[in-house]
Protein backbone atom coordinates (compact mmCIF):
# COMPACT_ATOMS: atom_id res chain seq x y z
CA MET A 1 -20.85 -15.61 -2.64
CA GLU A 2 -17.35 -14.49 -1.72
CA ARG A 3 -16.58 -14.62 2.00
CA LEU A 4 -14.23 -11.79 2.94
CA ILE A 5 -11.89 -10.83 5.77
CA LEU A 6 -11.03 -7.12 5.75
CA LEU A 7 -7.86 -5.99 7.51
CA GLY A 8 -7.80 -2.24 8.16
CA ALA A 9 -11.53 -1.60 7.88
CA SER A 10 -11.32 1.88 9.42
CA GLY A 11 -8.77 3.26 6.96
CA SER A 12 -9.27 4.90 3.58
CA ILE A 13 -9.04 1.71 1.51
CA GLY A 14 -10.94 -0.27 4.13
CA SER A 15 -13.88 2.12 4.27
CA GLN A 16 -14.10 2.20 0.46
CA THR A 17 -13.98 -1.60 0.39
CA ILE A 18 -16.98 -1.59 2.71
CA ASP A 19 -18.77 0.73 0.24
CA ILE A 20 -18.27 -1.87 -2.48
CA ILE A 21 -19.41 -4.79 -0.32
CA LEU A 22 -22.59 -2.90 0.57
CA LYS A 23 -23.26 -2.16 -3.10
CA HIS A 24 -22.83 -5.85 -4.02
CA PRO A 25 -24.60 -7.79 -1.23
CA ARG A 26 -25.24 -10.81 -3.46
CA LYS A 27 -21.57 -11.13 -4.33
CA PHE A 28 -19.74 -10.48 -1.04
CA PHE A 29 -20.31 -10.88 2.65
CA LEU A 30 -17.99 -9.90 5.47
CA ARG A 31 -16.92 -12.65 7.88
CA GLY A 32 -14.37 -10.73 9.94
CA PHE A 33 -12.44 -7.48 10.07
CA SER A 34 -9.83 -5.49 11.95
CA VAL A 35 -9.47 -1.86 12.92
CA GLY A 36 -6.69 0.00 14.67
CA LYS A 37 -7.53 2.50 17.39
CA ARG A 38 -10.68 3.82 15.70
CA VAL A 39 -12.93 1.41 17.55
CA ASN A 40 -15.89 3.77 17.18
CA VAL A 41 -16.47 2.47 13.64
CA ILE A 42 -16.97 -1.11 14.85
CA HIS A 43 -20.55 -0.57 16.00
CA ASP A 44 -21.67 0.77 12.62
CA ILE A 45 -19.93 -2.03 10.71
CA LEU A 46 -21.52 -4.69 12.91
CA LYS A 47 -24.96 -3.17 12.33
CA LYS A 48 -24.46 -3.46 8.57
CA PHE A 49 -22.88 -6.92 8.51
CA LYS A 50 -24.68 -9.42 10.74
CA GLU A 51 -22.52 -12.32 9.54
CA VAL A 52 -19.31 -11.00 11.15
CA SER A 53 -17.94 -13.51 13.66
CA PHE A 54 -14.48 -12.15 14.53
CA VAL A 55 -13.19 -8.59 15.08
CA VAL A 56 -9.63 -7.49 15.88
CA VAL A 57 -8.55 -4.22 17.51
CA LYS A 58 -5.13 -2.83 18.33
CA GLU A 59 -5.35 -2.28 22.09
CA GLU A 60 -6.11 -4.86 24.79
CA LYS A 61 -8.32 -2.42 26.73
CA ASP A 62 -10.62 -2.04 23.72
CA TYR A 63 -10.66 -5.79 23.25
CA LEU A 64 -11.78 -6.33 26.86
CA GLU A 65 -14.54 -3.72 26.63
CA LEU A 66 -15.89 -4.95 23.29
CA LYS A 67 -16.01 -8.55 24.53
CA LYS A 68 -18.53 -7.42 27.13
CA GLN A 69 -20.61 -5.45 24.63
CA TYR A 70 -20.77 -8.24 22.02
CA PRO A 71 -20.65 -11.61 23.81
CA ASN A 72 -21.61 -13.52 20.63
CA ILE A 73 -18.67 -12.20 18.60
CA ARG A 74 -15.09 -13.27 19.05
CA PHE A 75 -12.55 -10.46 19.53
CA GLY A 76 -8.79 -10.35 19.35
CA TYR A 77 -6.14 -7.68 19.60
CA GLY A 78 -2.69 -6.79 18.35
CA ASP A 79 -0.54 -8.72 15.88
CA GLN A 80 -1.61 -12.10 17.25
CA GLY A 81 -5.24 -11.13 16.82
CA LEU A 82 -4.67 -10.54 13.11
CA ILE A 83 -3.06 -13.95 12.74
CA ASP A 84 -5.89 -15.65 14.65
CA LEU A 85 -8.51 -13.88 12.55
CA ILE A 86 -6.95 -15.13 9.31
CA ASN A 87 -6.36 -18.68 10.52
CA GLU A 88 -9.68 -19.25 12.27
CA VAL A 89 -12.30 -17.59 10.04
CA ASP A 90 -13.29 -19.42 6.85
CA CYS A 91 -13.07 -17.06 3.90
CA ASP A 92 -12.33 -16.96 0.19
CA LEU A 93 -10.40 -13.70 0.11
CA VAL A 94 -8.35 -11.68 2.62
CA VAL A 95 -8.36 -7.97 1.82
CA ASN A 96 -5.20 -6.51 3.34
CA ALA A 97 -5.70 -2.75 3.65
CA LEU A 98 -3.34 -2.32 6.60
CA VAL A 99 -0.83 0.52 6.44
CA GLY A 100 2.83 -0.19 7.10
CA PHE A 101 5.01 -3.14 8.03
CA VAL A 102 2.26 -4.45 10.32
CA GLY A 103 0.61 -5.82 7.16
CA PHE A 104 3.52 -8.08 6.15
CA ILE A 105 2.99 -11.03 8.51
CA PRO A 106 -0.79 -11.11 7.86
CA THR A 107 -0.09 -11.43 4.13
CA ILE A 108 2.31 -14.31 4.77
CA THR A 109 -0.21 -15.88 7.16
CA ALA A 110 -3.05 -15.68 4.64
CA ILE A 111 -0.98 -17.28 1.88
CA LYS A 112 0.17 -20.10 4.15
CA ALA A 113 -3.49 -20.63 5.10
CA HIS A 114 -4.26 -21.12 1.37
CA LYS A 115 -6.39 -17.98 1.20
CA ASP A 116 -6.31 -15.62 -1.76
CA VAL A 117 -5.23 -12.05 -1.02
CA ALA A 118 -6.38 -8.68 -2.35
CA LEU A 119 -3.43 -6.49 -1.44
CA ALA A 120 -3.37 -2.77 -0.73
CA ASN A 121 -0.55 -3.14 1.80
CA LYS A 122 2.46 -2.00 -0.23
CA GLU A 123 4.92 -3.05 2.43
CA SER A 124 4.16 -6.77 1.99
CA LEU A 125 5.78 -6.77 -1.45
CA VAL A 126 8.32 -4.05 -0.71
CA VAL A 127 9.97 -5.93 2.16
CA GLY A 128 9.18 -9.50 1.18
CA GLY A 129 8.31 -9.72 -2.51
CA GLU A 130 10.60 -12.68 -3.15
CA ILE A 131 9.21 -14.62 -0.21
CA VAL A 132 5.61 -13.73 -1.08
CA ASN A 133 6.02 -14.94 -4.68
CA LYS A 134 7.64 -18.18 -3.53
CA LEU A 135 4.81 -18.86 -1.07
CA LEU A 136 2.13 -18.03 -3.65
CA LYS A 137 3.49 -20.79 -5.90
CA GLU A 138 3.98 -23.29 -3.09
CA ASN A 139 0.44 -22.81 -1.76
CA ASN A 140 -1.32 -22.30 -5.11
CA VAL A 141 -2.74 -18.97 -3.93
CA ASN A 142 -3.68 -15.88 -5.96
CA LEU A 143 -2.71 -12.30 -5.13
CA TYR A 144 -4.69 -9.38 -6.57
CA PRO A 145 -3.16 -5.88 -6.30
CA ILE A 146 -5.41 -3.03 -5.23
CA ASP A 147 -3.14 -0.02 -5.92
CA SER A 148 -4.60 1.97 -8.82
CA GLU A 149 -1.24 1.95 -10.64
CA HIS A 150 -0.85 -1.82 -10.51
CA VAL A 151 -4.45 -2.52 -11.39
CA ALA A 152 -3.93 -0.24 -14.38
CA LEU A 153 -0.79 -2.13 -15.42
CA ALA A 154 -2.56 -5.48 -15.00
CA LYS A 155 -5.33 -4.30 -17.33
CA CYS A 156 -2.89 -2.97 -19.93
CA LEU A 157 -0.70 -6.06 -19.85
CA HIS A 158 -3.58 -8.54 -20.09
CA GLY A 159 -2.98 -10.63 -23.21
CA ASN A 160 -0.33 -8.25 -24.51
CA LYS A 161 3.33 -9.01 -25.15
CA LYS A 162 6.24 -7.21 -26.83
CA VAL A 163 6.45 -4.76 -23.93
CA LYS A 164 9.12 -2.07 -23.91
CA ARG A 165 8.28 -0.28 -20.63
CA LEU A 166 5.89 -0.26 -17.72
CA ILE A 167 5.17 3.37 -16.84
CA LEU A 168 3.84 4.29 -13.40
CA THR A 169 2.19 7.70 -13.41
CA ALA A 170 2.60 10.05 -10.46
CA SER A 171 0.82 13.24 -9.50
CA GLY A 172 3.99 14.58 -7.89
CA GLY A 173 2.23 15.06 -4.55
CA SER A 174 1.45 18.18 -2.59
CA PHE A 175 4.71 19.95 -3.45
CA ARG A 176 5.00 19.10 -7.13
CA ASP A 177 5.19 22.79 -8.13
CA LEU A 178 7.90 23.65 -5.59
CA SER A 179 11.64 23.59 -6.15
CA ARG A 180 14.00 21.74 -3.83
CA ASP A 181 14.92 25.01 -2.15
CA GLU A 182 11.26 25.80 -1.49
CA LEU A 183 10.81 22.54 0.44
CA THR A 184 12.94 23.71 3.36
CA ASN A 185 10.16 25.15 5.49
CA VAL A 186 7.03 23.37 4.27
CA THR A 187 4.54 22.33 6.96
CA VAL A 188 2.69 19.15 7.80
CA GLU A 189 -0.57 20.87 6.94
CA ASP A 190 0.74 21.79 3.49
CA ALA A 191 2.05 18.27 2.89
CA LEU A 192 -1.37 16.74 3.60
CA LYS A 193 -3.06 18.70 0.80
CA HIS A 194 -2.83 16.13 -2.00
CA PRO A 195 -3.87 17.60 -5.38
CA SER A 196 -5.84 14.57 -6.61
CA TRP A 197 -6.51 11.81 -4.09
CA ASN A 198 -8.13 11.64 -0.66
CA MET A 199 -5.95 9.24 1.35
CA GLY A 200 -4.62 8.59 4.84
CA LYS A 201 -1.93 10.80 6.34
CA LYS A 202 0.98 8.40 5.97
CA ILE A 203 0.44 7.64 2.29
CA THR A 204 -0.17 11.35 1.58
CA ILE A 205 3.27 12.19 2.99
CA ASP A 206 4.76 9.32 0.97
CA CYS A 207 3.22 10.96 -2.09
CA ALA A 208 4.83 14.28 -1.19
CA THR A 209 8.29 12.68 -0.91
CA MET A 210 7.40 10.31 -3.79
CA MET A 211 8.52 7.36 -1.70
CA ASN A 212 5.17 5.82 -2.57
CA LYS A 213 6.31 5.73 -6.20
CA GLY A 214 9.54 4.06 -5.14
CA PHE A 215 7.48 1.44 -3.31
CA GLU A 216 5.28 1.01 -6.39
CA ILE A 217 8.32 0.34 -8.55
CA ILE A 218 9.33 -2.46 -6.18
CA GLU A 219 5.75 -3.78 -6.18
CA ALA A 220 5.57 -3.73 -9.98
CA TYR A 221 8.86 -5.61 -10.17
CA HIS A 222 7.51 -8.42 -7.98
CA LEU A 223 4.00 -8.43 -9.46
CA PHE A 224 4.78 -8.41 -13.18
CA HIS A 225 8.33 -9.82 -13.30
CA TYR A 226 9.84 -7.29 -15.69
CA PRO A 227 13.44 -6.11 -15.23
CA LEU A 228 13.87 -2.98 -13.15
CA ALA A 229 15.29 -1.19 -16.21
CA GLN A 230 11.88 -1.55 -17.90
CA ILE A 231 9.92 0.14 -15.08
CA ASP A 232 9.70 3.94 -15.28
CA VAL A 233 7.85 6.86 -13.69
CA LEU A 234 6.09 9.71 -15.49
CA LEU A 235 4.62 12.81 -13.83
CA HIS A 236 0.97 13.31 -14.77
CA ASP A 237 -0.83 16.20 -13.11
CA GLU A 238 -4.47 15.20 -13.56
CA SER A 239 -4.23 11.63 -12.14
CA HIS A 240 -6.67 10.37 -14.79
CA ILE A 241 -4.13 8.06 -16.43
CA HIS A 242 -3.39 5.55 -13.70
CA SER A 243 -0.49 3.88 -15.50
CA LEU A 244 0.44 2.85 -19.02
CA VAL A 245 2.48 0.39 -21.03
CA GLU A 246 4.76 1.24 -23.95
CA PHE A 247 5.18 -1.50 -26.53
CA VAL A 248 8.13 -2.19 -28.81
CA ASP A 249 6.33 -0.68 -31.82
CA GLY A 250 6.16 2.70 -30.07
CA SER A 251 2.45 2.55 -29.22
CA TYR A 252 1.01 3.01 -25.73
CA LEU A 253 -1.88 1.43 -23.88
CA ALA A 254 -3.19 3.43 -20.92
CA ASP A 255 -5.80 2.92 -18.21
CA ILE A 256 -7.83 6.12 -17.92
CA GLY A 257 -10.57 6.87 -15.45
CA PRO A 258 -11.70 8.89 -12.42
CA ALA A 259 -9.43 9.31 -9.41
CA ASP A 260 -11.61 6.98 -7.31
CA MET A 261 -9.99 4.08 -5.47
CA ARG A 262 -13.24 2.12 -5.48
CA VAL A 263 -12.64 1.31 -9.15
CA PRO A 264 -9.35 -0.61 -8.59
CA ILE A 265 -10.65 -2.09 -5.33
CA ALA A 266 -13.65 -3.55 -7.15
CA TYR A 267 -11.38 -4.93 -9.88
CA ALA A 268 -9.35 -6.76 -7.23
CA LEU A 269 -12.41 -8.04 -5.33
CA TYR A 270 -13.88 -9.33 -8.58
CA ARG A 271 -10.56 -11.10 -9.25
CA LYS A 272 -9.42 -9.08 -12.26
CA LYS A 273 -12.89 -8.73 -13.75
CA ARG A 274 -14.68 -5.48 -14.48
CA THR A 275 -17.97 -4.65 -12.81
CA LYS A 276 -20.38 -1.76 -13.20
CA ASN A 277 -19.13 1.40 -11.50
CA THR A 278 -21.97 2.94 -9.49
CA PHE A 279 -19.76 5.40 -7.60
CA SER A 280 -18.19 7.87 -10.03
CA SER A 281 -17.71 8.59 -13.68
CA LEU A 282 -15.55 10.80 -15.85
CA PRO A 283 -17.09 11.52 -19.27
CA LEU A 284 -14.57 12.02 -22.07
CA GLU A 285 -15.80 15.54 -22.69
CA ASP A 286 -14.86 16.42 -19.10
CA PHE A 287 -11.29 15.11 -19.28
CA GLY A 288 -9.79 18.38 -20.45
CA THR A 289 -6.08 18.51 -21.22
CA PHE A 290 -3.57 15.96 -19.98
CA HIS A 291 -0.19 17.21 -18.79
CA PHE A 292 2.96 15.11 -18.54
CA ARG A 293 6.34 16.01 -17.12
CA LYS A 294 9.65 14.21 -16.96
CA PHE A 295 10.46 12.61 -13.65
CA THR A 296 13.94 13.23 -12.15
CA TYR A 297 15.73 11.61 -9.23
CA GLU A 298 17.33 14.95 -8.34
CA ARG A 299 13.90 16.32 -7.44
CA TYR A 300 12.66 13.12 -5.81
CA PRO A 301 15.67 11.23 -4.38
CA CYS A 302 13.48 8.81 -2.38
CA VAL A 303 12.62 7.02 -5.62
CA TYR A 304 16.32 6.57 -6.31
CA TYR A 305 16.81 5.09 -2.83
CA ALA A 306 13.99 2.63 -3.52
CA ARG A 307 15.46 1.49 -6.84
CA GLU A 308 18.88 1.15 -5.25
CA ALA A 309 17.45 -0.88 -2.35
CA LEU A 310 15.72 -3.23 -4.79
CA GLN A 311 18.93 -3.69 -6.78
CA LYS A 312 20.89 -4.51 -3.63
CA GLY A 313 18.16 -6.89 -2.50
CA LEU A 314 18.15 -8.94 0.71
CA THR A 315 16.90 -6.76 3.59
CA PHE A 316 17.71 -3.36 2.04
CA PRO A 317 14.06 -2.81 0.99
CA THR A 318 13.00 -3.65 4.56
CA VAL A 319 15.38 -1.04 5.94
CA LEU A 320 14.15 1.46 3.35
CA ASN A 321 10.56 0.95 4.47
CA ALA A 322 11.25 0.97 8.22
CA ALA A 323 13.37 4.14 8.10
CA ASN A 324 10.70 5.81 5.97
CA GLU A 325 7.89 4.86 8.35
CA GLU A 326 9.73 6.23 11.37
CA ALA A 327 10.70 9.42 9.57
CA VAL A 328 7.23 10.06 8.16
CA TYR A 329 5.53 9.67 11.53
CA ALA A 330 8.19 11.91 13.13
CA PHE A 331 7.40 14.55 10.50
CA LEU A 332 3.66 14.18 11.15
CA ASP A 333 4.41 14.69 14.85
CA LYS A 334 6.42 17.81 13.90
CA LYS A 335 9.64 16.43 15.35
CA ILE A 336 11.62 16.79 12.11
CA ALA A 337 11.50 18.88 8.94
CA PHE A 338 10.14 17.56 5.66
CA LEU A 339 13.55 17.19 3.98
CA ASP A 340 14.83 15.29 7.02
CA ILE A 341 12.72 12.33 5.90
CA GLU A 342 14.95 11.53 2.95
CA LYS A 343 18.13 12.27 4.93
CA ILE A 344 17.14 9.76 7.61
CA ILE A 345 16.34 7.11 5.00
CA LYS A 346 19.69 7.51 3.27
CA THR A 347 21.66 7.51 6.53
CA VAL A 348 20.04 4.30 7.77
CA LEU A 349 20.44 2.58 4.40
CA ASP A 350 24.13 3.52 4.30
CA LYS A 351 24.66 1.92 7.73
CA HIS A 352 22.90 -1.34 6.92
CA VAL A 353 24.93 -4.55 6.64
CA PRO A 354 22.59 -7.40 5.68
CA ASN A 355 22.96 -11.12 6.24
CA ASN A 356 23.52 -13.17 3.11
CA HIS A 357 20.15 -14.89 3.13
CA LEU A 358 16.56 -13.68 3.14
CA SER A 359 13.86 -15.03 5.44
CA VAL A 360 10.82 -13.75 7.32
CA GLU A 361 12.92 -13.79 10.50
CA GLU A 362 15.69 -11.71 8.89
CA ILE A 363 13.13 -9.24 7.57
CA VAL A 364 11.60 -8.80 11.04
CA LYS A 365 15.07 -8.38 12.55
CA ALA A 366 16.13 -5.82 9.93
CA ASP A 367 12.88 -3.90 10.43
CA LYS A 368 13.53 -3.57 14.17
CA TRP A 369 17.15 -2.55 13.63
CA ALA A 370 16.27 0.13 11.07
CA ARG A 371 13.57 1.62 13.29
CA LEU A 372 15.98 1.94 16.20
CA GLU A 373 18.58 3.58 13.97
CA ALA A 374 16.02 6.03 12.58
CA GLN A 375 14.76 6.85 16.07
CA LYS A 376 18.30 7.65 17.21
CA ILE A 377 18.64 10.17 14.39
CA ILE A 378 15.22 11.68 15.11
CA LYS A 379 16.16 12.12 18.79
CA GLY A 380 19.50 13.63 17.85
CA ASP A 381 21.52 10.77 19.39
CA LYS A 382 25.08 11.04 18.04
CA LYS A 383 26.14 7.58 19.26
């Protein structure tokens, strides 16, 4: 039996992880979990998983109320609650499905606690890939990616060498059929209509700007250790090919399947082993035609900013992520226009002067600085 901690149980990845745990009760059981503000889901999760001993929420007021309702369960709140959950609950695998920079320290905490990690939190590798890899070696811990693209690459690379390119496929997001000029007045509601996947709001906007693909390039670099020049992006409308590898002899190996995140989640939970898919299927006769289009930085400049930040290194990827988070949430709150997202990111990156060494402390400091700079721009502060 695999004892699990699930961070971000109320989100898209978290709820689908719960689906898998429920389908495989002899393989997994849930020891602890966290949610953000959606505390209403806690009651249902606790009914389904009697072995849960520790729950973390975001707000102190919810923590105080839940302590009264469930006196036999330990509760925590905020960032410290996440750290306590990881350090104090015995488990075999920490599933990090948190969204945003908030997931970085929990990943570091889990590794230092000698606990394997199944990682959906892109930001952990984006801002701290070098540190994460160093700690994985020092603590003899395994990390299993959950992103469909990286699971696909892991499958295609398994036992194969002589690689020419890693190719991350991209749907192109909600506005893939619009020109740059047509993006000027797009709405939040339009941006949230992803053509293939059902995801949370933040990641859906990242798909529309394609910043998510920039993040995935950085993740692939840290996960698979290929030079940046060997990591490319290809537009693929149907989202059935989750990624592919081109080999030196000109042949390709692709991972093809339904657009269902429970497939890569299960692969990560089973530690890079396949298990029977009881959720969805995509018969070959139903595939239809596959369409591919060339990816360009002119259309999706956020991906260029991500590659540039990775090349510069140090805390540039942290600044990239922080500026993006602030800009995306400002767009969702209708404070800025869609194209302002990329402008804010570039402006903050251009202002950044990093220290000459990388540490968790420097990453946290750079994150705070970049958020303040982005907020100034959002508020129209000229200082």
